[in-house]
Amino acid sequence: MQRIKNRWIAGADQFPIGLDIFFEEAGQPKPVVIYVHGFNGFKDWGNFDLVATHFATAGFVLVKFNFSHNGTTPEQPEEFGNLEAFGQNNYTKELEDLRKVIDWVCEPENPFHAAMDTSKVYLIGHSMGGGISLLQSAEDNRVKKLITWAGIGECKTPWGNWSAARMEEWKQTGVQYYTNGRTKQEMPMYYQLYQDYQQNQQRLDIKNAIQHLDIPILICHGTQDGAVLVETAFQLKEWQPTSELFTVETDHVFGRKHPWTSDDLPLPMQAVVDKSIQFLK
């Protein structure tokens, strides 16, 4: 199996996007599954190489990547070493990044192009990445199938439940902070994140996007998700009745954590991976 780690392409504002590519070399070109990580995440969170290996073994090319402004760096792709970039991230930058990853996949000059069946590009997005994947699918007819894992239902991460007073403080000071529970870092979020949403509300309307999608959609969600409640999955299903809903008794990350040192996936994550592979096939 080919496991190519940390290739780099240019993303939003020419910031680097780190790419990993997993695939079996034998046989015909394979469908491409692009994994889109969530807020405060990165492509290797929770030993995602294990998940990538499952997809590669099942006959797909799995591409995962770090958003250009997720706070990681080429030198430290699993650490938030650039908090300024994190603070400057927003939804439209992530859409630009995902488009550029799809562009790279479909480029004949891509050194792994021969292994890829670019007529079959599929997206899997976790949490906020699920929302980004859904919005991109609505804009990009190269995407033929879509899976959300604990996907959001509106582009209001993380301020959706903030008080009016905190929103006003954000506007006045220009910055609010999110505490990373694992690293204890205070992650800055500049007010431009909210302004980007305000200026692009129609483009960032997940309800409208999923209602107009006519590709196969699988919605996977944990019934004990405390970050994005399972009711969101039922809402997505209601908005697009042709989609398929798969629930598991688990949390927002399907039983994983970071670092994940086991050679096996937790049972809820394995169930979601198995269901996703079955759906894509």
C-alpha atoms as a PDB file:
ATOM      1  CA  MET A   1       0.000   0.000   0.000  1.00  0.00           C
ATOM      2  CA  GLN A   2       1.130   3.519  -0.825  1.00  0.00           C
ATOM      3  CA  ARG A   3       1.045   5.898   2.161  1.00  0.00           C
ATOM      4  CA  ILE A   4       2.187   9.332   1.042  1.00  0.00           C
ATOM      5  CA  LYS A   5       2.367  11.827   3.904  1.00  0.00           C
ATOM      6  CA  ASN A   6       2.530  15.611   3.901  1.00  0.00           C
ATOM      7  CA  ARG A   7       2.585  16.654   0.280  1.00  0.00           C
ATOM      8  CA  TRP A   8       1.959  20.393  -0.043  1.00  0.00           C
ATOM      9  CA  ILE A   9      -0.169  22.535  -2.313  1.00  0.00           C
ATOM     10  CA  ALA A  10      -1.124  26.213  -2.069  1.00  0.00           C
ATOM     11  CA  GLY A  11      -4.404  27.048  -0.353  1.00  0.00           C
ATOM     12  CA  ALA A  12      -6.255  30.237   0.556  1.00  0.00           C
ATOM     13  CA  ASP A  13      -3.946  33.295   0.658  1.00  0.00           C
ATOM     14  CA  GLN A  14      -1.202  30.955  -0.612  1.00  0.00           C
ATOM     15  CA  PHE A  15      -0.997  29.272   2.800  1.00  0.00           C
ATOM     16  CA  PRO A  16       0.055  25.594   2.555  1.00  0.00           C
ATOM     17  CA  ILE A  17      -2.387  22.700   2.526  1.00  0.00           C
ATOM     18  CA  GLY A  18      -0.862  19.426   3.726  1.00  0.00           C
ATOM     19  CA  LEU A  19      -2.072  16.313   1.869  1.00  0.00           C
ATOM     20  CA  ASP A  20      -1.892  12.591   2.632  1.00  0.00           C
ATOM     21  CA  ILE A  21      -2.721   9.969  -0.011  1.00  0.00           C
ATOM     22  CA  PHE A  22      -3.432   6.289   0.739  1.00  0.00           C
ATOM     23  CA  PHE A  23      -4.105   3.643  -1.933  1.00  0.00           C
ATOM     24  CA  GLU A  24      -3.341   0.140  -3.135  1.00  0.00           C
ATOM     25  CA  GLU A  25      -1.208   0.197  -6.270  1.00  0.00           C
ATOM     26  CA  ALA A  26      -2.693  -2.841  -8.004  1.00  0.00           C
ATOM     27  CA  GLY A  27      -5.659  -2.749 -10.367  1.00  0.00           C
ATOM     28  CA  GLN A  28      -7.564  -0.076 -12.215  1.00  0.00           C
ATOM     29  CA  PRO A  29      -7.889   3.597 -11.192  1.00  0.00           C
ATOM     30  CA  LYS A  30      -9.937   3.865  -8.026  1.00  0.00           C
ATOM     31  CA  PRO A  31     -12.645   6.234  -6.772  1.00  0.00           C
ATOM     32  CA  VAL A  32     -11.242   9.103  -4.709  1.00  0.00           C
ATOM     33  CA  VAL A  33     -12.515   9.750  -1.181  1.00  0.00           C
ATOM     34  CA  ILE A  34     -11.524  13.165   0.207  1.00  0.00           C
ATOM     35  CA  TYR A  35     -11.763  13.514   3.984  1.00  0.00           C
ATOM     36  CA  VAL A  36     -12.520  16.979   5.389  1.00  0.00           C
ATOM     37  CA  HIS A  37     -11.667  17.539   9.067  1.00  0.00           C
ATOM     38  CA  GLY A  38     -13.639  19.686  11.482  1.00  0.00           C
ATOM     39  CA  PHE A  39     -13.186  22.810  13.600  1.00  0.00           C
ATOM     40  CA  ASN A  40     -10.105  22.631  15.827  1.00  0.00           C
ATOM     41  CA  GLY A  41      -9.058  19.473  13.980  1.00  0.00           C
ATOM     42  CA  PHE A  42      -6.439  18.232  11.539  1.00  0.00           C
ATOM     43  CA  LYS A  43      -5.979  15.366   9.085  1.00  0.00           C
ATOM     44  CA  ASP A  44      -4.095  13.115  11.521  1.00  0.00           C
ATOM     45  CA  TRP A  45      -6.332  13.608  14.565  1.00  0.00           C
ATOM     46  CA  GLY A  46      -7.033  10.355  16.373  1.00  0.00           C
ATOM     47  CA  ASN A  47      -4.628   8.352  14.185  1.00  0.00           C
ATOM     48  CA  PHE A  48      -6.729   8.893  11.073  1.00  0.00           C
ATOM     49  CA  ASP A  49      -4.174   6.861   9.135  1.00  0.00           C
ATOM     50  CA  LEU A  50      -6.043   3.795  10.457  1.00  0.00           C
ATOM     51  CA  VAL A  51      -9.255   5.018   8.852  1.00  0.00           C
ATOM     52  CA  ALA A  52      -7.408   5.863   5.635  1.00  0.00           C
ATOM     53  CA  THR A  53      -5.986   2.342   5.500  1.00  0.00           C
ATOM     54  CA  HIS A  54      -9.475   0.831   5.723  1.00  0.00           C
ATOM     55  CA  PHE A  55     -10.648   2.867   2.749  1.00  0.00           C
ATOM     56  CA  ALA A  56      -7.523   2.077   0.728  1.00  0.00           C
ATOM     57  CA  THR A  57      -7.893  -1.642   1.428  1.00  0.00           C
ATOM     58  CA  ALA A  58     -11.520  -1.425   0.299  1.00  0.00           C
ATOM     59  CA  GLY A  59     -10.457  -0.115  -3.115  1.00  0.00           C
ATOM     60  CA  PHE A  60     -10.460   3.665  -2.773  1.00  0.00           C
ATOM     61  CA  VAL A  61      -7.838   6.375  -2.920  1.00  0.00           C
ATOM     62  CA  LEU A  62      -8.182   8.223   0.392  1.00  0.00           C
ATOM     63  CA  VAL A  63      -6.991  11.838   0.385  1.00  0.00           C
ATOM     64  CA  LYS A  64      -6.988  13.764   3.674  1.00  0.00           C
ATOM     65  CA  PHE A  65      -5.701  17.256   4.227  1.00  0.00           C
ATOM     66  CA  ASN A  66      -5.147  20.099   6.667  1.00  0.00           C
ATOM     67  CA  PHE A  67      -7.031  23.282   5.910  1.00  0.00           C
ATOM     68  CA  SER A  68      -4.573  26.058   5.129  1.00  0.00           C
ATOM     69  CA  HIS A  69      -5.668  28.138   8.130  1.00  0.00           C
ATOM     70  CA  ASN A  70      -6.343  25.384  10.688  1.00  0.00           C
ATOM     71  CA  GLY A  71      -3.323  26.495  12.743  1.00  0.00           C
ATOM     72  CA  THR A  72      -0.949  23.647  11.896  1.00  0.00           C
ATOM     73  CA  THR A  73       2.293  24.184   9.967  1.00  0.00           C
ATOM     74  CA  PRO A  74       4.397  22.143   7.522  1.00  0.00           C
ATOM     75  CA  GLU A  75       6.956  21.695  10.295  1.00  0.00           C
ATOM     76  CA  GLN A  76       4.333  20.571  12.830  1.00  0.00           C
ATOM     77  CA  PRO A  77       1.314  19.146  10.964  1.00  0.00           C
ATOM     78  CA  GLU A  78      -0.191  17.768  14.200  1.00  0.00           C
ATOM     79  CA  GLU A  79       0.338  20.836  16.410  1.00  0.00           C
ATOM     80  CA  PHE A  80      -1.326  24.244  16.459  1.00  0.00           C
ATOM     81  CA  GLY A  81       1.835  26.234  15.905  1.00  0.00           C
ATOM     82  CA  ASN A  82       0.299  29.130  13.966  1.00  0.00           C
ATOM     83  CA  LEU A  83      -2.505  30.591  16.068  1.00  0.00           C
ATOM     84  CA  GLU A  84      -2.596  33.738  13.934  1.00  0.00           C
ATOM     85  CA  ALA A  85      -3.608  31.633  10.927  1.00  0.00           C
ATOM     86  CA  PHE A  86      -6.241  29.858  13.048  1.00  0.00           C
ATOM     87  CA  GLY A  87      -7.686  33.233  13.996  1.00  0.00           C
ATOM     88  CA  GLN A  88      -7.909  34.251  10.336  1.00  0.00           C
ATOM     89  CA  ASN A  89      -9.743  31.092   9.243  1.00  0.00           C
ATOM     90  CA  ASN A  90     -13.341  31.243   7.987  1.00  0.00           C
ATOM     91  CA  TYR A  91     -15.894  29.279   6.007  1.00  0.00           C
ATOM     92  CA  THR A  92     -15.151  30.721   2.584  1.00  0.00           C
ATOM     93  CA  LYS A  93     -11.417  30.063   3.010  1.00  0.00           C
ATOM     94  CA  GLU A  94     -12.220  26.437   3.803  1.00  0.00           C
ATOM     95  CA  LEU A  95     -14.430  26.190   0.723  1.00  0.00           C
ATOM     96  CA  GLU A  96     -11.561  27.611  -1.341  1.00  0.00           C
ATOM     97  CA  ASP A  97      -9.170  25.073   0.178  1.00  0.00           C
ATOM     98  CA  LEU A  98     -11.479  22.141  -0.536  1.00  0.00           C
ATOM     99  CA  ARG A  99     -11.965  23.305  -4.125  1.00  0.00           C
ATOM    100  CA  LYS A 100      -8.195  23.474  -4.545  1.00  0.00           C
ATOM    101  CA  VAL A 101      -7.802  19.945  -3.179  1.00  0.00           C
ATOM    102  CA  ILE A 102     -10.391  18.689  -5.675  1.00  0.00           C
ATOM    103  CA  ASP A 103      -8.617  20.655  -8.424  1.00  0.00           C
ATOM    104  CA  TRP A 104      -5.346  18.951  -7.461  1.00  0.00           C
ATOM    105  CA  VAL A 105      -6.955  15.507  -7.465  1.00  0.00           C
ATOM    106  CA  CYS A 106      -8.352  16.107 -10.959  1.00  0.00           C
ATOM    107  CA  GLU A 107      -5.162  17.608 -12.436  1.00  0.00           C
ATOM    108  CA  PRO A 108      -3.433  15.256 -14.915  1.00  0.00           C
ATOM    109  CA  GLU A 109      -0.119  16.612 -13.551  1.00  0.00           C
ATOM    110  CA  ASN A 110      -0.945  15.218 -10.106  1.00  0.00           C
ATOM    111  CA  PRO A 111       1.769  12.524  -9.648  1.00  0.00           C
ATOM    112  CA  PHE A 112      -0.826  10.028  -8.373  1.00  0.00           C
ATOM    113  CA  HIS A 113      -3.378  10.772 -11.084  1.00  0.00           C
ATOM    114  CA  ALA A 114      -3.008   7.344 -12.717  1.00  0.00           C
ATOM    115  CA  ALA A 115      -4.306   5.690  -9.540  1.00  0.00           C
ATOM    116  CA  MET A 116      -7.360   7.941  -9.354  1.00  0.00           C
ATOM    117  CA  ASP A 117     -10.704   7.587 -11.116  1.00  0.00           C
ATOM    118  CA  THR A 118     -11.554  11.290 -11.099  1.00  0.00           C
ATOM    119  CA  SER A 119     -15.022  10.634 -12.500  1.00  0.00           C
ATOM    120  CA  LYS A 120     -15.805   9.322  -9.003  1.00  0.00           C
ATOM    121  CA  VAL A 121     -14.867  11.963  -6.421  1.00  0.00           C
ATOM    122  CA  TYR A 122     -16.555  11.470  -3.049  1.00  0.00           C
ATOM    123  CA  LEU A 123     -16.455  13.662   0.074  1.00  0.00           C
ATOM    124  CA  ILE A 124     -16.539  12.707   3.748  1.00  0.00           C
ATOM    125  CA  GLY A 125     -16.686  15.601   6.203  1.00  0.00           C
ATOM    126  CA  HIS A 126     -16.618  15.519   9.991  1.00  0.00           C
ATOM    127  CA  SER A 127     -18.469  18.118  12.067  1.00  0.00           C
ATOM    128  CA  MET A 128     -17.752  21.563  10.580  1.00  0.00           C
ATOM    129  CA  GLY A 129     -16.027  19.716   7.739  1.00  0.00           C
ATOM    130  CA  GLY A 130     -19.356  18.000   7.086  1.00  0.00           C
ATOM    131  CA  GLY A 131     -20.940  21.384   6.503  1.00  0.00           C
ATOM    132  CA  ILE A 132     -18.075  22.471   4.245  1.00  0.00           C
ATOM    133  CA  SER A 133     -18.340  19.218   2.279  1.00  0.00           C
ATOM    134  CA  LEU A 134     -22.077  19.665   1.848  1.00  0.00           C
ATOM    135  CA  LEU A 135     -21.739  23.246   0.644  1.00  0.00           C
ATOM    136  CA  GLN A 136     -18.941  22.301  -1.748  1.00  0.00           C
ATOM    137  CA  SER A 137     -20.991  19.428  -3.155  1.00  0.00           C
ATOM    138  CA  ALA A 138     -23.781  21.874  -3.971  1.00  0.00           C
ATOM    139  CA  GLU A 139     -21.310  24.061  -5.916  1.00  0.00           C
ATOM    140  CA  ASP A 140     -19.170  21.397  -7.572  1.00  0.00           C
ATOM    141  CA  ASN A 141     -20.566  18.810  -9.959  1.00  0.00           C
ATOM    142  CA  ARG A 142     -17.336  16.813  -9.739  1.00  0.00           C
ATOM    143  CA  VAL A 143     -18.543  15.525  -6.359  1.00  0.00           C
ATOM    144  CA  LYS A 144     -20.635  12.407  -6.982  1.00  0.00           C
ATOM    145  CA  LYS A 145     -21.364  11.180  -3.430  1.00  0.00           C
ATOM    146  CA  LEU A 146     -21.340  12.810   0.007  1.00  0.00           C
ATOM    147  CA  ILE A 147     -21.040  11.520   3.574  1.00  0.00           C
ATOM    148  CA  THR A 148     -21.294  13.623   6.720  1.00  0.00           C
ATOM    149  CA  TRP A 149     -19.964  12.380  10.044  1.00  0.00           C
ATOM    150  CA  ALA A 150     -21.529  14.378  12.907  1.00  0.00           C
ATOM    151  CA  GLY A 151     -22.056  17.188  10.417  1.00  0.00           C
ATOM    152  CA  ILE A 152     -23.253  20.664  11.378  1.00  0.00           C
ATOM    153  CA  GLY A 153     -26.583  22.046  10.172  1.00  0.00           C
ATOM    154  CA  GLU A 154     -25.664  25.736  10.068  1.00  0.00           C
ATOM    155  CA  CYS A 155     -22.456  27.720   9.623  1.00  0.00           C
ATOM    156  CA  LYS A 156     -22.356  29.256  13.092  1.00  0.00           C
ATOM    157  CA  THR A 157     -19.460  27.365  14.683  1.00  0.00           C
ATOM    158  CA  PRO A 158     -18.506  28.283  17.344  1.00  0.00           C
ATOM    159  CA  TRP A 159     -20.657  31.339  18.122  1.00  0.00           C
ATOM    160  CA  GLY A 160     -24.085  29.797  17.544  1.00  0.00           C
ATOM    161  CA  ASN A 161     -25.006  29.764  21.234  1.00  0.00           C
ATOM    162  CA  TRP A 162     -23.153  32.881  22.382  1.00  0.00           C
ATOM    163  CA  SER A 163     -25.035  35.602  24.228  1.00  0.00           C
ATOM    164  CA  ALA A 164     -25.734  38.996  22.698  1.00  0.00           C
ATOM    165  CA  ALA A 165     -23.290  40.478  25.196  1.00  0.00           C
ATOM    166  CA  ARG A 166     -20.493  38.171  24.086  1.00  0.00           C
ATOM    167  CA  MET A 167     -21.241  38.892  20.426  1.00  0.00           C
ATOM    168  CA  GLU A 168     -21.007  42.619  21.122  1.00  0.00           C
ATOM    169  CA  GLU A 169     -17.730  42.121  22.977  1.00  0.00           C
ATOM    170  CA  TRP A 170     -16.419  40.146  19.994  1.00  0.00           C
ATOM    171  CA  LYS A 171     -17.337  43.016  17.706  1.00  0.00           C
ATOM    172  CA  GLN A 172     -15.750  45.639  19.944  1.00  0.00           C
ATOM    173  CA  THR A 173     -12.502  43.790  20.772  1.00  0.00           C
ATOM    174  CA  GLY A 174     -12.151  42.005  17.424  1.00  0.00           C
ATOM    175  CA  VAL A 175     -11.266  38.667  19.038  1.00  0.00           C
ATOM    176  CA  GLN A 176     -12.710  35.900  21.194  1.00  0.00           C
ATOM    177  CA  TYR A 177     -10.901  32.799  22.386  1.00  0.00           C
ATOM    178  CA  TYR A 178     -11.727  29.111  22.238  1.00  0.00           C
ATOM    179  CA  THR A 179      -9.972  26.885  24.781  1.00  0.00           C
ATOM    180  CA  ASN A 180      -8.589  23.705  23.210  1.00  0.00           C
ATOM    181  CA  GLY A 181      -9.527  21.035  25.732  1.00  0.00           C
ATOM    182  CA  ARG A 182      -6.610  18.802  24.774  1.00  0.00           C
ATOM    183  CA  THR A 183      -3.724  21.274  24.446  1.00  0.00           C
ATOM    184  CA  LYS A 184      -5.174  23.973  26.755  1.00  0.00           C
ATOM    185  CA  GLN A 185      -4.218  26.583  24.151  1.00  0.00           C
ATOM    186  CA  GLU A 186      -6.346  29.706  23.887  1.00  0.00           C
ATOM    187  CA  MET A 187      -7.277  29.667  20.198  1.00  0.00           C
ATOM    188  CA  PRO A 188      -8.040  33.148  18.827  1.00  0.00           C
ATOM    189  CA  MET A 189     -11.042  33.723  16.599  1.00  0.00           C
ATOM    190  CA  TYR A 190     -11.108  37.129  14.963  1.00  0.00           C
ATOM    191  CA  TYR A 191     -14.361  38.930  14.254  1.00  0.00           C
ATOM    192  CA  GLN A 192     -13.724  38.452  10.527  1.00  0.00           C
ATOM    193  CA  LEU A 193     -15.104  34.897  10.975  1.00  0.00           C
ATOM    194  CA  TYR A 194     -18.539  36.313  11.776  1.00  0.00           C
ATOM    195  CA  GLN A 195     -18.233  39.004   9.119  1.00  0.00           C
ATOM    196  CA  ASP A 196     -17.412  36.343   6.531  1.00  0.00           C
ATOM    197  CA  TYR A 197     -20.594  34.512   7.510  1.00  0.00           C
ATOM    198  CA  GLN A 198     -22.679  37.686   7.364  1.00  0.00           C
ATOM    199  CA  GLN A 199     -21.340  38.584   3.925  1.00  0.00           C
ATOM    200  CA  ASN A 200     -21.886  35.088   2.512  1.00  0.00           C
ATOM    201  CA  GLN A 201     -25.070  33.891   4.208  1.00  0.00           C
ATOM    202  CA  GLN A 202     -26.699  32.701   1.002  1.00  0.00           C
ATOM    203  CA  ARG A 203     -23.638  30.723  -0.056  1.00  0.00           C
ATOM    204  CA  LEU A 204     -23.260  29.284   3.461  1.00  0.00           C
ATOM    205  CA  ASP A 205     -26.892  28.172   3.775  1.00  0.00           C
ATOM    206  CA  ILE A 206     -26.640  24.438   4.509  1.00  0.00           C
ATOM    207  CA  LYS A 207     -30.412  23.914   4.434  1.00  0.00           C
ATOM    208  CA  ASN A 208     -30.697  25.372   0.953  1.00  0.00           C
ATOM    209  CA  ALA A 209     -27.624  23.481  -0.253  1.00  0.00           C
ATOM    210  CA  ILE A 210     -28.782  20.031   0.857  1.00  0.00           C
ATOM    211  CA  GLN A 211     -32.311  20.622  -0.435  1.00  0.00           C
ATOM    212  CA  HIS A 212     -30.908  21.168  -3.918  1.00  0.00           C
ATOM    213  CA  LEU A 213     -28.432  18.281  -3.926  1.00  0.00           C
ATOM    214  CA  ASP A 214     -29.302  15.333  -6.168  1.00  0.00           C
ATOM    215  CA  ILE A 215     -26.381  13.030  -5.360  1.00  0.00           C
ATOM    216  CA  PRO A 216     -26.369  10.088  -2.918  1.00  0.00           C
ATOM    217  CA  ILE A 217     -25.943  11.355   0.669  1.00  0.00           C
ATOM    218  CA  LEU A 218     -25.202   9.388   3.850  1.00  0.00           C
ATOM    219  CA  ILE A 219     -25.637  11.138   7.208  1.00  0.00           C
ATOM    220  CA  CYS A 220     -23.788   9.444  10.112  1.00  0.00           C
ATOM    221  CA  HIS A 221     -24.219  10.697  13.664  1.00  0.00           C
ATOM    222  CA  GLY A 222     -23.680   9.634  17.270  1.00  0.00           C
ATOM    223  CA  THR A 223     -26.770   9.582  19.461  1.00  0.00           C
ATOM    224  CA  GLN A 224     -24.697  10.851  22.414  1.00  0.00           C
ATOM    225  CA  ASP A 225     -23.004  13.685  20.515  1.00  0.00           C
ATOM    226  CA  GLY A 226     -22.679  16.667  22.848  1.00  0.00           C
ATOM    227  CA  ALA A 227     -21.031  18.990  20.333  1.00  0.00           C
ATOM    228  CA  VAL A 228     -23.468  18.659  17.418  1.00  0.00           C
ATOM    229  CA  LEU A 229     -26.702  17.173  18.738  1.00  0.00           C
ATOM    230  CA  VAL A 230     -28.157  14.169  16.923  1.00  0.00           C
ATOM    231  CA  GLU A 231     -31.255  16.255  16.217  1.00  0.00           C
ATOM    232  CA  THR A 232     -29.107  18.001  13.588  1.00  0.00           C
ATOM    233  CA  ALA A 233     -28.814  14.720  11.669  1.00  0.00           C
ATOM    234  CA  PHE A 234     -32.599  14.285  11.688  1.00  0.00           C
ATOM    235  CA  GLN A 235     -32.939  17.881  10.475  1.00  0.00           C
ATOM    236  CA  LEU A 236     -30.563  17.219   7.567  1.00  0.00           C
ATOM    237  CA  LYS A 237     -32.546  14.098   6.726  1.00  0.00           C
ATOM    238  CA  GLU A 238     -35.791  16.086   6.807  1.00  0.00           C
ATOM    239  CA  TRP A 239     -34.317  18.719   4.502  1.00  0.00           C
ATOM    240  CA  GLN A 240     -33.209  16.038   2.021  1.00  0.00           C
ATOM    241  CA  PRO A 241     -35.514  12.991   2.324  1.00  0.00           C
ATOM    242  CA  THR A 242     -33.551  11.001  -0.276  1.00  0.00           C
ATOM    243  CA  SER A 243     -30.515  10.938   2.030  1.00  0.00           C
ATOM    244  CA  GLU A 244     -29.716   7.907   4.196  1.00  0.00           C
ATOM    245  CA  LEU A 245     -29.372   8.263   7.979  1.00  0.00           C
ATOM    246  CA  PHE A 246     -27.127   6.030  10.106  1.00  0.00           C
ATOM    247  CA  THR A 247     -26.898   6.535  13.870  1.00  0.00           C
ATOM    248  CA  VAL A 248     -24.549   4.929  16.391  1.00  0.00           C
ATOM    249  CA  GLU A 249     -24.658   5.050  20.182  1.00  0.00           C
ATOM    250  CA  THR A 250     -21.539   7.160  20.617  1.00  0.00           C
ATOM    251  CA  ASP A 251     -20.079  10.650  20.957  1.00  0.00           C
ATOM    252  CA  HIS A 252     -19.020  13.407  18.549  1.00  0.00           C
ATOM    253  CA  VAL A 253     -15.789  11.645  17.520  1.00  0.00           C
ATOM    254  CA  PHE A 254     -17.202   8.098  17.397  1.00  0.00           C
ATOM    255  CA  GLY A 255     -15.172   6.883  20.364  1.00  0.00           C
ATOM    256  CA  ARG A 256     -11.770   8.137  19.223  1.00  0.00           C
ATOM    257  CA  LYS A 257      -9.370  10.497  20.990  1.00  0.00           C
ATOM    258  CA  HIS A 258      -6.005  12.080  20.256  1.00  0.00           C
ATOM    259  CA  PRO A 259      -3.503  10.603  20.424  1.00  0.00           C
ATOM    260  CA  TRP A 260      -4.983   7.216  19.499  1.00  0.00           C
ATOM    261  CA  THR A 261      -2.299   4.561  19.966  1.00  0.00           C
ATOM    262  CA  SER A 262      -4.271   1.363  19.352  1.00  0.00           C
ATOM    263  CA  ASP A 263      -3.954  -0.541  16.089  1.00  0.00           C
ATOM    264  CA  ASP A 264      -7.738  -0.945  16.057  1.00  0.00           C
ATOM    265  CA  LEU A 265     -10.520   1.577  15.719  1.00  0.00           C
ATOM    266  CA  PRO A 266     -13.090   1.929  18.502  1.00  0.00           C
ATOM    267  CA  LEU A 267     -16.237  -0.040  17.682  1.00  0.00           C
ATOM    268  CA  PRO A 268     -18.447   3.008  16.889  1.00  0.00           C
ATOM    269  CA  MET A 269     -15.850   4.426  14.480  1.00  0.00           C
ATOM    270  CA  GLN A 270     -15.420   1.010  12.866  1.00  0.00           C
ATOM    271  CA  ALA A 271     -19.193   0.772  12.385  1.00  0.00           C
ATOM    272  CA  VAL A 272     -19.277   4.196  10.700  1.00  0.00           C
ATOM    273  CA  VAL A 273     -16.291   3.341   8.484  1.00  0.00           C
ATOM    274  CA  ASP A 274     -17.884   0.037   7.453  1.00  0.00           C
ATOM    275  CA  LYS A 275     -21.210   1.725   6.698  1.00  0.00           C
ATOM    276  CA  SER A 276     -19.479   4.485   4.729  1.00  0.00           C
ATOM    277  CA  ILE A 277     -17.513   2.015   2.597  1.00  0.00           C
ATOM    278  CA  GLN A 278     -20.674   0.012   1.932  1.00  0.00           C
ATOM    279  CA  PHE A 279     -22.516   3.193   0.924  1.00  0.00           C
ATOM    280  CA  LEU A 280     -19.766   4.359  -1.435  1.00  0.00           C
ATOM    281  CA  LYS A 281     -19.595   0.980  -3.108  1.00  0.00           C
END
